[in-house]
Protein backbone atom coordinates (compact mmCIF):
# COMPACT_ATOMS: atom_id res chain seq x y z
CA MET A 1 -93.67 -22.95 54.58
CA GLU A 2 -91.57 -22.62 51.50
CA ASN A 3 -92.73 -20.54 48.54
CA ASP A 4 -92.53 -21.80 45.07
CA GLY A 5 -89.29 -19.80 44.45
CA GLU A 6 -87.56 -21.44 47.32
CA LYS A 7 -88.67 -24.95 46.18
CA ILE A 8 -87.44 -24.42 42.71
CA MET A 9 -84.06 -23.08 44.17
CA LYS A 10 -83.64 -26.06 46.37
CA LYS A 11 -84.47 -28.41 43.51
CA MET A 12 -81.88 -26.69 41.29
CA VAL A 13 -79.13 -27.06 43.89
CA SER A 14 -80.02 -30.62 44.60
CA ASN A 15 -79.83 -31.46 40.95
CA MET A 16 -76.45 -29.81 40.78
CA VAL A 17 -75.23 -31.82 43.67
CA GLU A 18 -76.17 -34.99 42.04
CA GLU A 19 -74.69 -34.08 38.63
CA ASN A 20 -71.41 -32.58 40.02
CA LEU A 21 -70.80 -34.65 43.26
CA ASN A 22 -66.94 -34.91 42.75
CA ILE A 23 -66.48 -31.27 41.53
CA ILE A 24 -68.68 -29.20 44.00
CA SER A 25 -65.78 -27.00 44.85
CA ASP A 26 -65.75 -25.64 41.41
CA THR A 27 -67.74 -22.36 41.80
CA GLY A 28 -68.21 -21.97 38.10
CA LYS A 29 -70.89 -24.78 38.40
CA PHE A 30 -73.15 -22.48 40.31
CA GLY A 31 -73.46 -19.92 37.45
CA ASN A 32 -77.06 -20.56 36.81
CA LEU A 33 -78.00 -20.46 40.56
CA VAL A 34 -76.37 -17.07 41.32
CA PRO A 35 -78.77 -14.57 39.68
CA SER A 36 -81.62 -16.11 41.82
CA LEU A 37 -79.56 -15.90 44.93
CA MET A 38 -78.57 -12.25 44.26
CA LYS A 39 -82.19 -11.32 43.73
CA LYS A 40 -83.07 -12.84 47.08
CA GLY A 41 -80.05 -11.05 48.78
CA ILE A 42 -77.17 -12.47 50.74
CA ASP A 43 -78.72 -11.24 54.06
CA ASN A 44 -81.95 -13.46 53.26
CA LEU A 45 -80.24 -16.62 52.23
CA ASN A 46 -80.74 -20.04 54.14
CA LEU A 47 -78.42 -22.64 52.79
CA THR A 48 -78.15 -24.68 56.09
CA MET A 49 -79.76 -27.66 54.41
CA PHE A 50 -76.57 -28.17 52.24
CA GLY A 51 -73.23 -29.61 53.27
CA PRO A 52 -70.30 -27.15 54.11
CA GLU A 53 -68.41 -27.76 50.81
CA LEU A 54 -71.58 -26.95 48.70
CA ARG A 55 -72.37 -23.96 50.72
CA MET A 56 -68.80 -22.66 50.43
CA GLY A 57 -69.07 -23.15 46.61
CA ILE A 58 -72.27 -21.38 46.32
CA LEU A 59 -71.28 -18.49 48.54
CA THR A 60 -68.02 -18.13 46.80
CA ALA A 61 -69.59 -17.94 43.37
CA LEU A 62 -72.11 -15.29 44.82
CA GLY A 63 -69.28 -13.30 46.22
CA ASP A 64 -67.44 -13.53 42.85
CA GLU A 65 -70.47 -12.10 41.03
CA TYR A 66 -70.91 -9.32 43.60
CA ARG A 67 -67.31 -8.30 43.26
CA LYS A 68 -67.58 -8.37 39.58
CA LYS A 69 -70.47 -5.92 39.86
CA GLY A 70 -68.55 -3.83 42.33
CA SER A 71 -70.75 -4.54 45.27
CA LEU A 72 -67.68 -5.18 47.59
CA ASN A 73 -69.58 -5.05 50.84
CA HIS A 74 -71.79 -7.90 49.78
CA ALA A 75 -68.80 -9.72 48.34
CA VAL A 76 -67.31 -9.64 51.74
CA LYS A 77 -70.30 -10.95 53.56
CA SER A 78 -70.46 -13.75 51.02
CA TYR A 79 -66.78 -14.70 51.39
CA VAL A 80 -67.10 -14.42 55.30
CA LEU A 81 -69.95 -16.94 55.24
CA ALA A 82 -68.00 -19.18 52.89
CA GLY A 83 -64.89 -18.85 55.20
CA ASN A 84 -62.94 -18.00 52.12
CA ARG A 85 -59.93 -15.99 53.44
CA ASP A 86 -58.13 -15.88 50.06
CA LYS A 87 -61.06 -14.24 48.50
CA LEU A 88 -61.20 -11.72 51.37
CA ASN A 89 -57.62 -10.76 50.78
CA ASN A 90 -58.55 -10.07 47.11
CA ILE A 91 -61.27 -7.65 48.36
CA ALA A 92 -58.81 -5.96 50.70
CA ASP A 93 -56.62 -5.32 47.65
CA ASP A 94 -59.53 -3.93 45.74
CA TYR A 95 -60.26 -1.38 48.71
CA LEU A 96 -56.67 -0.57 48.92
CA ARG A 97 -56.64 0.38 45.15
CA LEU A 98 -59.74 2.46 45.84
CA LEU A 99 -57.95 4.14 48.76
CA GLN A 100 -60.63 2.93 51.03
CA ILE A 101 -58.05 2.29 53.75
CA ASP A 102 -60.48 1.68 56.66
CA ASN A 103 -62.41 -0.89 54.57
CA CYS A 104 -59.09 -2.52 53.58
CA ILE A 105 -58.07 -2.87 57.21
CA GLU A 106 -61.40 -4.19 58.32
CA VAL A 107 -61.43 -6.89 55.69
CA LEU A 108 -57.82 -7.92 56.42
CA LYS A 109 -58.79 -8.34 60.03
CA LEU A 110 -61.63 -10.75 58.88
CA ALA A 111 -59.10 -12.59 56.77
CA GLY A 112 -56.66 -12.67 59.73
CA ASN A 113 -53.83 -11.45 57.43
CA LYS A 114 -51.37 -9.83 60.07
CA ASP A 115 -48.59 -9.71 57.33
CA LYS A 116 -50.63 -7.53 55.10
CA LEU A 117 -51.95 -5.27 58.06
CA MET A 118 -48.34 -4.73 58.93
CA GLU A 119 -47.50 -3.68 55.27
CA VAL A 120 -50.53 -1.50 55.18
CA GLY A 121 -49.74 0.09 58.53
CA LYS A 122 -46.19 0.79 57.63
CA LYS A 123 -47.28 2.43 54.25
CA CYS A 124 -49.79 4.58 56.14
CA LEU A 125 -47.17 5.60 58.66
CA SER A 126 -44.65 6.59 55.95
CA GLU A 127 -47.34 8.73 54.23
CA GLY A 128 -48.37 10.39 57.48
CA GLN A 129 -51.79 8.72 57.57
CA LEU A 130 -51.65 8.32 61.19
CA GLU A 131 -55.29 7.45 61.82
CA HIS A 132 -55.04 4.35 59.41
CA ALA A 133 -51.68 3.44 60.75
CA ILE A 134 -53.12 3.23 64.36
CA LYS A 135 -56.00 1.05 63.26
CA ALA A 136 -53.62 -1.30 61.43
CA PHE A 137 -51.17 -1.70 64.21
CA VAL A 138 -53.89 -2.09 66.83
CA ALA A 139 -55.38 -4.72 64.83
CA ILE A 140 -52.22 -6.90 64.97
CA GLY A 141 -51.28 -5.87 68.46
CA ASP A 142 -47.94 -4.49 67.55
CA ASN A 143 -47.24 -2.33 70.64
CA ALA A 144 -43.61 -1.36 69.37
CA LYS A 145 -45.12 0.18 66.17
CA LEU A 146 -47.91 1.81 68.01
CA ILE A 147 -45.44 3.59 70.25
CA GLU A 148 -43.66 4.73 67.18
CA VAL A 149 -46.88 6.14 65.79
CA GLY A 150 -47.63 7.68 69.17
CA GLU A 151 -44.40 9.51 69.22
CA GLN A 152 -44.96 10.76 65.74
CA CYS A 153 -48.46 12.02 66.77
CA VAL A 154 -46.98 13.94 69.66
CA SER A 155 -44.38 15.51 67.46
CA ARG A 156 -47.06 16.67 65.03
CA TYR A 157 -49.26 17.80 68.03
CA ARG A 158 -52.03 15.30 67.22
CA PHE A 159 -52.55 14.76 70.94
CA ASP A 160 -55.84 13.17 70.34
CA PHE A 161 -54.36 10.25 68.39
CA ALA A 162 -51.41 9.92 70.81
CA LEU A 163 -53.77 9.55 73.83
CA GLU A 164 -55.68 6.95 71.88
CA ILE A 165 -52.59 4.92 71.15
CA PHE A 166 -51.11 5.13 74.74
CA THR A 167 -54.53 4.26 76.20
CA ALA A 168 -54.88 1.29 73.94
CA ILE A 169 -51.54 -0.21 74.79
CA ASN A 170 -51.99 0.72 78.51
CA ASP A 171 -48.37 1.89 78.92
CA LYS A 172 -48.34 3.89 82.16
CA SER A 173 -44.94 5.27 81.60
CA LYS A 174 -45.67 6.46 78.12
CA LEU A 175 -48.89 7.95 79.41
CA THR A 176 -46.95 9.81 82.02
CA GLU A 177 -44.39 11.09 79.48
CA PHE A 178 -47.26 12.07 77.21
CA GLY A 179 -48.94 13.79 80.10
CA LYS A 180 -45.85 15.74 80.91
CA ARG A 181 -45.55 16.88 77.34
CA CYS A 182 -49.12 18.06 77.40
CA VAL A 183 -48.46 20.13 80.45
CA GLU A 184 -45.60 21.74 78.66
CA GLU A 185 -47.93 22.71 75.87
CA LYS A 186 -50.64 23.66 78.18
CA GLU A 187 -52.88 21.09 76.78
CA PHE A 188 -54.37 20.34 80.31
CA ASP A 189 -57.38 18.27 79.28
CA TYR A 190 -55.23 15.65 77.70
CA ALA A 191 -52.64 15.88 80.59
CA ILE A 192 -55.34 15.15 83.23
CA LYS A 193 -56.64 12.32 81.19
CA ALA A 194 -53.23 10.79 80.68
CA PHE A 195 -52.18 11.10 84.31
CA GLU A 196 -55.59 9.74 85.39
CA LEU A 197 -55.08 6.59 83.21
CA ALA A 198 -51.40 6.31 84.47
CA GLN A 199 -52.70 6.62 88.04
CA ASP A 200 -50.26 9.31 88.71
CA LYS A 201 -51.60 11.41 91.56
CA GLU A 202 -48.44 13.38 92.01
CA MET A 203 -48.68 14.67 88.40
CA LEU A 204 -52.46 15.28 88.84
CA ASN A 205 -51.56 17.59 91.66
CA ASN A 206 -48.87 19.21 89.52
CA VAL A 207 -51.49 19.79 86.74
CA GLY A 208 -53.85 21.17 89.33
CA ASP A 209 -51.13 23.67 90.46
CA CYS A 210 -50.53 24.70 86.83
CA CYS A 211 -54.19 25.22 86.23
CA MET A 212 -54.49 27.39 89.19
CA ASN A 213 -51.51 29.43 87.95
CA GLU A 214 -53.29 29.90 84.74
CA GLU A 215 -56.70 30.83 86.48
CA MET A 216 -58.37 27.71 85.11
CA VAL A 217 -60.16 26.87 88.30
CA SER A 218 -62.45 24.25 86.85
CA LYS A 219 -59.64 22.23 85.39
CA ALA A 220 -57.78 22.50 88.65
CA LEU A 221 -60.73 21.20 90.63
CA GLU A 222 -60.83 18.22 88.21
CA ALA A 223 -57.18 17.49 88.52
CA TYR A 224 -57.24 17.84 92.38
CA GLY A 225 -60.36 15.57 92.68
CA LEU A 226 -58.84 12.72 90.61
CA ALA A 227 -55.62 13.07 92.69
CA GLY A 228 -57.78 12.65 95.90
CA ASN A 229 -56.41 16.06 97.17
CA ASN A 230 -59.54 16.85 99.34
CA VAL A 231 -57.77 19.98 100.93
CA MET A 232 -57.46 21.64 97.57
CA VAL A 233 -60.89 20.56 96.39
CA GLU A 234 -62.41 22.09 99.55
CA PHE A 235 -60.23 25.22 99.14
CA ILE A 236 -61.53 25.72 95.58
CA LYS A 237 -65.20 24.87 96.36
CA SER A 238 -65.07 27.31 99.25
CA ASN A 239 -63.28 30.24 97.62
CA PHE A 240 -64.00 30.09 93.81
CA HIS A 241 -67.42 28.19 93.35
CA ASP A 242 -70.81 29.54 94.14
């Protein structure tokens, strides 16, 4: 059952439709309705009884008011429900000015703005903000740029980011190349994971040998196990494990 407030709200909108039938896309016409909608909250609204153009107008007006008040998360919800990509791009710019890069990238994804994502990704890359650059390039599926970022990560000893990238693009040759570099740096955990993903049993055995030389028996056991080297697995279990 509708409460009195909902009945009043529906009547207000119905009157607006009748009075402004030819200009329902003009969001300024919904100014009187917006405060009531904001009080109810974007998550609690039900506007399914109205046509798509009217819903878009109301939700866009609501998003504009949220944005004006600095409630960007609620503005995003409103614009998403309105299907208003232009307004979402404006919010992305707001987040960029606020240096909230993660939020900017997420909104650009919602807006489907690959050009802007590329721009943000390149900017982050040039400024050494590798984590943000990764997110932007992953969002647009640009493997070439991701490889570039991955190589920068390796050169800066950010093996965690590099593994994330080469895993995301599922490039076995890059995973193997990365794994070899990790062996050189004695980063055996990353090496084992990289070779496992690359399905490179030969290099897993190689890591096992290196770990044995370093007296890192548990890691050697892991590497040999993933390589399917049952002989070395049994050797370690018989001689080094209780």
